[in-house]
């Protein structure tokens, strides 16, 4: 039984060897990264401005909505508690 456990624990040597084969050099990894970045659709300046405005407007809207809900619930709870 103990011998079988040793084999199970030490069985990673074959996995390590296959992992070594899958490894790429640093230069190959950099080349692959550059290749993938060239495939990305980067937005134009006008698109980026539109998306930025939409995000800011959405954040502002939800900030006001959450503030209003929080204030309203705070008011209701203070009236219920009697303060």
PDB file of N, CA and C in Angstrom:
ATOM      1  N   UNK A   1       0.824  -1.195   0.000  1.00  0.00           N
ATOM      2  CA  UNK A   1       0.000   0.000   0.000  1.00  0.00           C
ATOM      3  C   UNK A   1       0.866   1.255   0.000  1.00  0.00           C
ATOM      4  N   UNK A   2       1.891   1.259   0.855  1.00  0.00           N
ATOM      5  CA  UNK A   2       2.775   2.427   0.919  1.00  0.00           C
ATOM      6  C   UNK A   2       3.516   2.598  -0.398  1.00  0.00           C
ATOM      7  N   UNK A   3       3.875   1.480  -1.027  1.00  0.00           N
ATOM      8  CA  UNK A   3       4.582   1.546  -2.312  1.00  0.00           C
ATOM      9  C   UNK A   3       3.672   2.156  -3.384  1.00  0.00           C
ATOM     10  N   UNK A   4       2.402   1.819  -3.329  1.00  0.00           N
ATOM     11  CA  UNK A   4       1.459   2.363  -4.302  1.00  0.00           C
ATOM     12  C   UNK A   4       1.293   3.874  -4.100  1.00  0.00           C
ATOM     13  N   UNK A   5       1.258   4.322  -2.847  1.00  0.00           N
ATOM     14  CA  UNK A   5       1.148   5.753  -2.573  1.00  0.00           C
ATOM     15  C   UNK A   5       2.368   6.500  -3.078  1.00  0.00           C
ATOM     16  N   UNK A   6       3.548   5.895  -2.939  1.00  0.00           N
ATOM     17  CA  UNK A   6       4.767   6.532  -3.434  1.00  0.00           C
ATOM     18  C   UNK A   6       4.699   6.690  -4.950  1.00  0.00           C
ATOM     19  N   UNK A   7       4.170   5.687  -5.614  1.00  0.00           N
ATOM     20  CA  UNK A   7       4.068   5.763  -7.067  1.00  0.00           C
ATOM     21  C   UNK A   7       3.091   6.863  -7.475  1.00  0.00           C
ATOM     22  N   UNK A   8       1.995   6.987  -6.747  1.00  0.00           N
ATOM     23  CA  UNK A   8       1.022   8.025  -7.065  1.00  0.00           C
ATOM     24  C   UNK A   8       1.601   9.417  -6.832  1.00  0.00           C
ATOM     25  N   UNK A   9       2.367   9.560  -5.741  1.00  0.00           N
ATOM     26  CA  UNK A   9       2.940  10.863  -5.438  1.00  0.00           C
ATOM     27  C   UNK A   9       4.076  11.206  -6.384  1.00  0.00           C
ATOM     28  N   UNK A  10       4.877  10.224  -6.716  1.00  0.00           N
ATOM     29  CA  UNK A  10       6.036  10.472  -7.566  1.00  0.00           C
ATOM     30  C   UNK A  10       5.729  10.359  -9.036  1.00  0.00           C
ATOM     31  N   UNK A  11       4.496  10.130  -9.391  1.00  0.00           N
ATOM     32  CA  UNK A  11       4.136   9.927 -10.787  1.00  0.00           C
ATOM     33  C   UNK A  11       4.134  11.197 -11.607  1.00  0.00           C
ATOM     34  N   UNK A  12       4.447  12.322 -11.011  1.00  0.00           N
ATOM     35  CA  UNK A  12       4.412  13.583 -11.726  1.00  0.00           C
ATOM     36  C   UNK A  12       5.594  13.808 -12.639  1.00  0.00           C
ATOM     37  N   UNK A  13       6.581  12.919 -12.637  1.00  0.00           N
ATOM     38  CA  UNK A  13       7.763  13.146 -13.467  1.00  0.00           C
ATOM     39  C   UNK A  13       7.413  13.103 -14.943  1.00  0.00           C
ATOM     40  N   UNK A  14       6.522  12.211 -15.337  1.00  0.00           N
ATOM     41  CA  UNK A  14       6.105  12.165 -16.738  1.00  0.00           C
ATOM     42  C   UNK A  14       5.308  13.418 -17.098  1.00  0.00           C
ATOM     43  N   UNK A  15       4.503  13.885 -16.166  1.00  0.00           N
ATOM     44  CA  UNK A  15       3.736  15.099 -16.418  1.00  0.00           C
ATOM     45  C   UNK A  15       4.663  16.296 -16.557  1.00  0.00           C
ATOM     46  N   UNK A  16       5.711  16.335 -15.751  1.00  0.00           N
ATOM     47  CA  UNK A  16       6.657  17.447 -15.827  1.00  0.00           C
ATOM     48  C   UNK A  16       7.379  17.434 -17.167  1.00  0.00           C
ATOM     49  N   UNK A  17       7.721  16.244 -17.658  1.00  0.00           N
ATOM     50  CA  UNK A  17       8.413  16.146 -18.943  1.00  0.00           C
ATOM     51  C   UNK A  17       7.504  16.634 -20.073  1.00  0.00           C
ATOM     52  N   UNK A  18       6.221  16.275 -20.023  1.00  0.00           N
ATOM     53  CA  UNK A  18       5.317  16.736 -21.074  1.00  0.00           C
ATOM     54  C   UNK A  18       5.087  18.242 -20.957  1.00  0.00           C
ATOM     55  N   UNK A  19       5.120  18.750 -19.728  1.00  0.00           N
ATOM     56  CA  UNK A  19       4.981  20.194 -19.533  1.00  0.00           C
ATOM     57  C   UNK A  19       6.181  20.924 -20.124  1.00  0.00           C
ATOM     58  N   UNK A  20       7.348  20.363 -19.995  1.00  0.00           N
ATOM     59  CA  UNK A  20       8.560  20.964 -20.576  1.00  0.00           C
ATOM     60  C   UNK A  20       8.416  21.068 -22.096  1.00  0.00           C
ATOM     61  N   UNK A  21       7.828  20.051 -22.712  1.00  0.00           N
ATOM     62  CA  UNK A  21       7.674  20.061 -24.158  1.00  0.00           C
ATOM     63  C   UNK A  21       6.683  21.138 -24.593  1.00  0.00           C
ATOM     64  N   UNK A  22       5.676  21.400 -23.766  1.00  0.00           N
ATOM     65  CA  UNK A  22       4.664  22.394 -24.107  1.00  0.00           C
ATOM     66  C   UNK A  22       5.176  23.817 -23.896  1.00  0.00           C
ATOM     67  N   UNK A  23       6.190  23.966 -23.073  1.00  0.00           N
ATOM     68  CA  UNK A  23       6.749  25.291 -22.805  1.00  0.00           C
ATOM     69  C   UNK A  23       7.291  25.924 -24.069  1.00  0.00           C
ATOM     70  N   UNK A  24       7.164  27.224 -24.139  1.00  0.00           N
ATOM     71  CA  UNK A  24       7.705  27.955 -25.278  1.00  0.00           C
ATOM     72  C   UNK A  24       8.794  28.880 -24.759  1.00  0.00           C
ATOM     73  N   UNK A  25       9.649  29.268 -25.638  1.00  0.00           N
ATOM     74  CA  UNK A  25      10.675  30.215 -25.230  1.00  0.00           C
ATOM     75  C   UNK A  25      10.029  31.573 -24.991  1.00  0.00           C
ATOM     76  N   UNK A  26      10.728  32.435 -24.291  1.00  0.00           N
ATOM     77  CA  UNK A  26      10.208  33.766 -24.010  1.00  0.00           C
ATOM     78  C   UNK A  26       9.977  34.537 -25.305  1.00  0.00           C
ATOM     79  N   UNK A  27      10.890  34.395 -26.242  1.00  0.00           N
ATOM     80  CA  UNK A  27      10.739  35.077 -27.528  1.00  0.00           C
ATOM     81  C   UNK A  27       9.504  34.621 -28.276  1.00  0.00           C
ATOM     82  N   UNK A  28       9.221  33.321 -28.245  1.00  0.00           N
ATOM     83  CA  UNK A  28       8.034  32.793 -28.918  1.00  0.00           C
ATOM     84  C   UNK A  28       6.767  33.308 -28.240  1.00  0.00           C
ATOM     85  N   UNK A  29       6.793  33.396 -26.913  1.00  0.00           N
ATOM     86  CA  UNK A  29       5.626  33.910 -26.185  1.00  0.00           C
ATOM     87  C   UNK A  29       5.370  35.373 -26.539  1.00  0.00           C
ATOM     88  N   UNK A  30       6.438  36.164 -26.658  1.00  0.00           N
ATOM     89  CA  UNK A  30       6.293  37.574 -27.030  1.00  0.00           C
ATOM     90  C   UNK A  30       5.736  37.689 -28.443  1.00  0.00           C
ATOM     91  N   UNK A  31       6.235  36.872 -29.360  1.00  0.00           N
ATOM     92  CA  UNK A  31       5.733  36.895 -30.739  1.00  0.00           C
ATOM     93  C   UNK A  31       4.264  36.503 -30.802  1.00  0.00           C
ATOM     94  N   UNK A  32       3.882  35.491 -30.028  1.00  0.00           N
ATOM     95  CA  UNK A  32       2.479  35.075 -29.991  1.00  0.00           C
ATOM     96  C   UNK A  32       1.592  36.193 -29.445  1.00  0.00           C
ATOM     97  N   UNK A  33       2.079  36.877 -28.414  1.00  0.00           N
ATOM     98  CA  UNK A  33       1.313  37.975 -27.828  1.00  0.00           C
ATOM     99  C   UNK A  33       1.129  39.106 -28.829  1.00  0.00           C
ATOM    100  N   UNK A  34       2.182  39.467 -29.526  1.00  0.00           N
ATOM    101  CA  UNK A  34       2.079  40.522 -30.544  1.00  0.00           C
ATOM    102  C   UNK A  34       1.091  40.128 -31.638  1.00  0.00           C
ATOM    103  N   UNK A  35       1.156  38.868 -32.042  1.00  0.00           N
ATOM    104  CA  UNK A  35       0.255  38.382 -33.085  1.00  0.00           C
ATOM    105  C   UNK A  35      -1.202  38.499 -32.639  1.00  0.00           C
ATOM    106  N   UNK A  36      -1.473  38.130 -31.392  1.00  0.00           N
ATOM    107  CA  UNK A  36      -2.841  38.209 -30.881  1.00  0.00           C
ATOM    108  C   UNK A  36      -3.300  39.661 -30.752  1.00  0.00           C
ATOM    109  N   UNK A  37      -2.397  40.559 -30.347  1.00  0.00           N
ATOM    110  CA  UNK A  37      -2.772  41.966 -30.203  1.00  0.00           C
ATOM    111  C   UNK A  37      -3.083  42.610 -31.549  1.00  0.00           C
ATOM    112  N   UNK A  38      -2.489  42.109 -32.611  1.00  0.00           N
ATOM    113  CA  UNK A  38      -2.792  42.638 -33.944  1.00  0.00           C
ATOM    114  C   UNK A  38      -4.207  42.252 -34.382  1.00  0.00           C
ATOM    115  N   UNK A  39      -4.730  41.162 -33.844  1.00  0.00           N
ATOM    116  CA  UNK A  39      -6.060  40.684 -34.212  1.00  0.00           C
ATOM    117  C   UNK A  39      -7.176  41.444 -33.491  1.00  0.00           C
ATOM    118  N   UNK A  40      -6.824  42.188 -32.449  1.00  0.00           N
ATOM    119  CA  UNK A  40      -7.820  42.889 -31.644  1.00  0.00           C
ATOM    120  C   UNK A  40      -8.404  44.054 -32.433  1.00  0.00           C
ATOM    121  N   UNK A  41      -9.729  44.220 -32.334  1.00  0.00           N
ATOM    122  CA  UNK A  41     -10.381  45.378 -32.961  1.00  0.00           C
ATOM    123  C   UNK A  41     -10.300  46.533 -31.973  1.00  0.00           C
ATOM    124  N   UNK A  42      -9.401  47.458 -32.235  1.00  0.00           N
ATOM    125  CA  UNK A  42      -9.244  48.618 -31.374  1.00  0.00           C
ATOM    126  C   UNK A  42     -10.229  49.687 -31.835  1.00  0.00           C
ATOM    127  N   UNK A  43     -10.995  50.294 -30.908  1.00  0.00           N
ATOM    128  CA  UNK A  43     -11.984  51.296 -31.307  1.00  0.00           C
ATOM    129  C   UNK A  43     -11.325  52.583 -31.793  1.00  0.00           C
ATOM    130  N   UNK A  44     -12.016  53.244 -32.697  1.00  0.00           N
ATOM    131  CA  UNK A  44     -11.570  54.553 -33.176  1.00  0.00           C
ATOM    132  C   UNK A  44     -11.813  55.588 -32.077  1.00  0.00           C
ATOM    133  N   UNK A  45     -11.229  56.759 -32.244  1.00  0.00           N
ATOM    134  CA  UNK A  45     -11.335  57.798 -31.222  1.00  0.00           C
ATOM    135  C   UNK A  45     -12.789  58.198 -30.982  1.00  0.00           C
ATOM    136  N   UNK A  46     -13.571  58.317 -32.056  1.00  0.00           N
ATOM    137  CA  UNK A  46     -14.975  58.722 -31.900  1.00  0.00           C
ATOM    138  C   UNK A  46     -15.778  57.644 -31.174  1.00  0.00           C
ATOM    139  N   UNK A  47     -15.514  56.382 -31.496  1.00  0.00           N
ATOM    140  CA  UNK A  47     -16.192  55.284 -30.794  1.00  0.00           C
ATOM    141  C   UNK A  47     -15.851  55.313 -29.313  1.00  0.00           C
ATOM    142  N   UNK A  48     -14.588  55.509 -29.028  1.00  0.00           N
ATOM    143  CA  UNK A  48     -14.128  55.525 -27.644  1.00  0.00           C
ATOM    144  C   UNK A  48     -14.773  56.666 -26.864  1.00  0.00           C
ATOM    145  N   UNK A  49     -14.907  57.822 -27.495  1.00  0.00           N
ATOM    146  CA  UNK A  49     -15.554  58.960 -26.841  1.00  0.00           C
ATOM    147  C   UNK A  49     -17.027  58.665 -26.557  1.00  0.00           C
ATOM    148  N   UNK A  50     -17.710  58.062 -27.526  1.00  0.00           N
ATOM    149  CA  UNK A  50     -19.123  57.717 -27.329  1.00  0.00           C
ATOM    150  C   UNK A  50     -19.285  56.724 -26.186  1.00  0.00           C
ATOM    151  N   UNK A  51     -18.466  55.687 -26.175  1.00  0.00           N
ATOM    152  CA  UNK A  51     -18.552  54.675 -25.125  1.00  0.00           C
ATOM    153  C   UNK A  51     -18.227  55.271 -23.761  1.00  0.00           C
ATOM    154  N   UNK A  52     -17.272  56.185 -23.722  1.00  0.00           N
ATOM    155  CA  UNK A  52     -16.908  56.825 -22.462  1.00  0.00           C
ATOM    156  C   UNK A  52     -18.066  57.655 -21.928  1.00  0.00           C
ATOM    157  N   UNK A  53     -18.732  58.386 -22.809  1.00  0.00           N
ATOM    158  CA  UNK A  53     -19.886  59.194 -22.394  1.00  0.00           C
ATOM    159  C   UNK A  53     -21.009  58.296 -21.886  1.00  0.00           C
ATOM    160  N   UNK A  54     -21.250  57.184 -22.570  1.00  0.00           N
ATOM    161  CA  UNK A  54     -22.293  56.249 -22.139  1.00  0.00           C
ATOM    162  C   UNK A  54     -21.967  55.691 -20.758  1.00  0.00           C
ATOM    163  N   UNK A  55     -20.722  55.325 -20.527  1.00  0.00           N
ATOM    164  CA  UNK A  55     -20.325  54.767 -19.227  1.00  0.00           C
ATOM    165  C   UNK A  55     -20.482  55.813 -18.128  1.00  0.00           C
ATOM    166  N   UNK A  56     -20.026  57.033 -18.377  1.00  0.00           N
ATOM    167  CA  UNK A  56     -20.137  58.092 -17.366  1.00  0.00           C
ATOM    168  C   UNK A  56     -21.600  58.398 -17.065  1.00  0.00           C
ATOM    169  N   UNK A  57     -22.440  58.471 -18.096  1.00  0.00           N
ATOM    170  CA  UNK A  57     -23.866  58.739 -17.894  1.00  0.00           C
ATOM    171  C   UNK A  57     -24.530  57.609 -17.108  1.00  0.00           C
ATOM    172  N   UNK A  58     -24.177  56.381 -17.426  1.00  0.00           N
ATOM    173  CA  UNK A  58     -24.756  55.234 -16.724  1.00  0.00           C
ATOM    174  C   UNK A  58     -24.350  55.231 -15.255  1.00  0.00           C
ATOM    175  N   UNK A  59     -23.081  55.481 -14.989  1.00  0.00           N
ATOM    176  CA  UNK A  59     -22.601  55.526 -13.603  1.00  0.00           C
ATOM    177  C   UNK A  59     -23.286  56.658 -12.845  1.00  0.00           C
ATOM    178  N   UNK A  60     -23.422  57.818 -13.470  1.00  0.00           N
ATOM    179  CA  UNK A  60     -24.083  58.952 -12.819  1.00  0.00           C
ATOM    180  C   UNK A  60     -25.546  58.626 -12.518  1.00  0.00           C
ATOM    181  N   UNK A  61     -26.242  58.030 -13.482  1.00  0.00           N
ATOM    182  CA  UNK A  61     -27.651  57.677 -13.284  1.00  0.00           C
ATOM    183  C   UNK A  61     -27.818  56.713 -12.113  1.00  0.00           C
ATOM    184  N   UNK A  62     -27.032  55.645 -12.102  1.00  0.00           N
ATOM    185  CA  UNK A  62     -27.174  54.660 -11.034  1.00  0.00           C
ATOM    186  C   UNK A  62     -26.703  55.212  -9.690  1.00  0.00           C
ATOM    187  N   UNK A  63     -25.751  56.126  -9.695  1.00  0.00           N
ATOM    188  CA  UNK A  63     -25.325  56.759  -8.441  1.00  0.00           C
ATOM    189  C   UNK A  63     -26.469  57.563  -7.838  1.00  0.00           C
ATOM    190  N   UNK A  64     -27.141  58.341  -8.670  1.00  0.00           N
ATOM    191  CA  UNK A  64     -28.279  59.135  -8.199  1.00  0.00           C
ATOM    192  C   UNK A  64     -29.412  58.216  -7.756  1.00  0.00           C
ATOM    193  N   UNK A  65     -29.674  57.162  -8.515  1.00  0.00           N
ATOM    194  CA  UNK A  65     -30.752  56.233  -8.164  1.00  0.00           C
ATOM    195  C   UNK A  65     -30.472  55.550  -6.827  1.00  0.00           C
ATOM    196  N   UNK A  66     -29.257  55.092  -6.625  1.00  0.00           N
ATOM    197  CA  UNK A  66     -28.916  54.426  -5.363  1.00  0.00           C
ATOM    198  C   UNK A  66     -28.973  55.416  -4.205  1.00  0.00           C
ATOM    199  N   UNK A  67     -28.517  56.648  -4.428  1.00  0.00           N
ATOM    200  CA  UNK A  67     -28.590  57.674  -3.384  1.00  0.00           C
ATOM    201  C   UNK A  67     -30.051  57.944  -3.010  1.00  0.00           C
ATOM    202  N   UNK A  68     -30.920  58.047  -4.022  1.00  0.00           N
ATOM    203  CA  UNK A  68     -32.337  58.321  -3.766  1.00  0.00           C
ATOM    204  C   UNK A  68     -32.985  57.175  -2.990  1.00  0.00           C
ATOM    205  N   UNK A  69     -32.691  55.963  -3.384  1.00  0.00           N
ATOM    206  CA  UNK A  69     -33.252  54.802  -2.681  1.00  0.00           C
ATOM    207  C   UNK A  69     -32.741  54.760  -1.246  1.00  0.00           C
ATOM    208  N   UNK A  70     -31.450  54.991  -1.060  1.00  0.00           N
ATOM    209  CA  UNK A  70     -30.859  54.969   0.275  1.00  0.00           C
ATOM    210  C   UNK A  70     -31.466  56.062   1.157  1.00  0.00           C
ATOM    211  N   UNK A  71     -31.602  57.253   0.601  1.00  0.00           N
ATOM    212  CA  UNK A  71     -32.186  58.360   1.373  1.00  0.00           C
ATOM    213  C   UNK A  71     -33.644  58.073   1.707  1.00  0.00           C
ATOM    214  N   UNK A  72     -34.380  57.553   0.741  1.00  0.00           N
ATOM    215  CA  UNK A  72     -35.784  57.230   0.974  1.00  0.00           C
ATOM    216  C   UNK A  72     -35.960  56.167   2.041  1.00  0.00           C
ATOM    217  N   UNK A  73     -35.181  55.119   1.953  1.00  0.00           N
ATOM    218  CA  UNK A  73     -35.276  54.068   2.968  1.00  0.00           C
ATOM    219  C   UNK A  73     -34.828  54.580   4.334  1.00  0.00           C
ATOM    220  N   UNK A  74     -33.810  55.416   4.349  1.00  0.00           N
ATOM    221  CA  UNK A  74     -33.365  56.006   5.616  1.00  0.00           C
ATOM    222  C   UNK A  74     -34.447  56.859   6.248  1.00  0.00           C
ATOM    223  N   UNK A  75     -35.159  57.634   5.421  1.00  0.00           N
ATOM    224  CA  UNK A  75     -36.252  58.473   5.910  1.00  0.00           C
ATOM    225  C   UNK A  75     -37.382  57.612   6.474  1.00  0.00           C
ATOM    226  N   UNK A  76     -37.759  56.575   5.728  1.00  0.00           N
ATOM    227  CA  UNK A  76     -38.848  55.696   6.173  1.00  0.00           C
ATOM    228  C   UNK A  76     -38.470  54.999   7.473  1.00  0.00           C
ATOM    229  N   UNK A  77     -37.269  54.502   7.568  1.00  0.00           N
ATOM    230  CA  UNK A  77     -36.839  53.798   8.783  1.00  0.00           C
ATOM    231  C   UNK A  77     -36.779  54.760   9.965  1.00  0.00           C
ATOM    232  N   UNK A  78     -36.312  55.986   9.731  1.00  0.00           N
ATOM    233  CA  UNK A  78     -36.257  56.953  10.840  1.00  0.00           C
ATOM    234  C   UNK A  78     -37.664  57.307  11.334  1.00  0.00           C
ATOM    235  N   UNK A  79     -38.643  57.363  10.438  1.00  0.00           N
ATOM    236  CA  UNK A  79     -40.029  57.631  10.850  1.00  0.00           C
ATOM    237  C   UNK A  79     -40.609  56.444  11.618  1.00  0.00           C
ATOM    238  N   UNK A  80     -40.257  55.224  11.182  1.00  0.00           N
ATOM    239  CA  UNK A  80     -40.758  54.037  11.873  1.00  0.00           C
ATOM    240  C   UNK A  80     -40.156  53.904  13.263  1.00  0.00           C
ATOM    241  N   UNK A  81     -38.896  54.235  13.393  1.00  0.00           N
ATOM    242  CA  UNK A  81     -38.221  54.117  14.680  1.00  0.00           C
ATOM    243  C   UNK A  81     -38.614  55.284  15.585  1.00  0.00           C
ATOM    244  N   UNK A  82     -38.938  56.420  15.010  1.00  0.00           N
ATOM    245  CA  UNK A  82     -39.406  57.558  15.784  1.00  0.00           C
ATOM    246  C   UNK A  82     -38.327  58.562  16.110  1.00  0.00           C
ATOM    247  N   UNK A  83     -37.303  58.639  15.321  1.00  0.00           N
ATOM    248  CA  UNK A  83     -36.242  59.615  15.593  1.00  0.00           C
ATOM    249  C   UNK A  83     -36.464  60.863  14.821  1.00  0.00           C
TER     250      UNK A  83
END
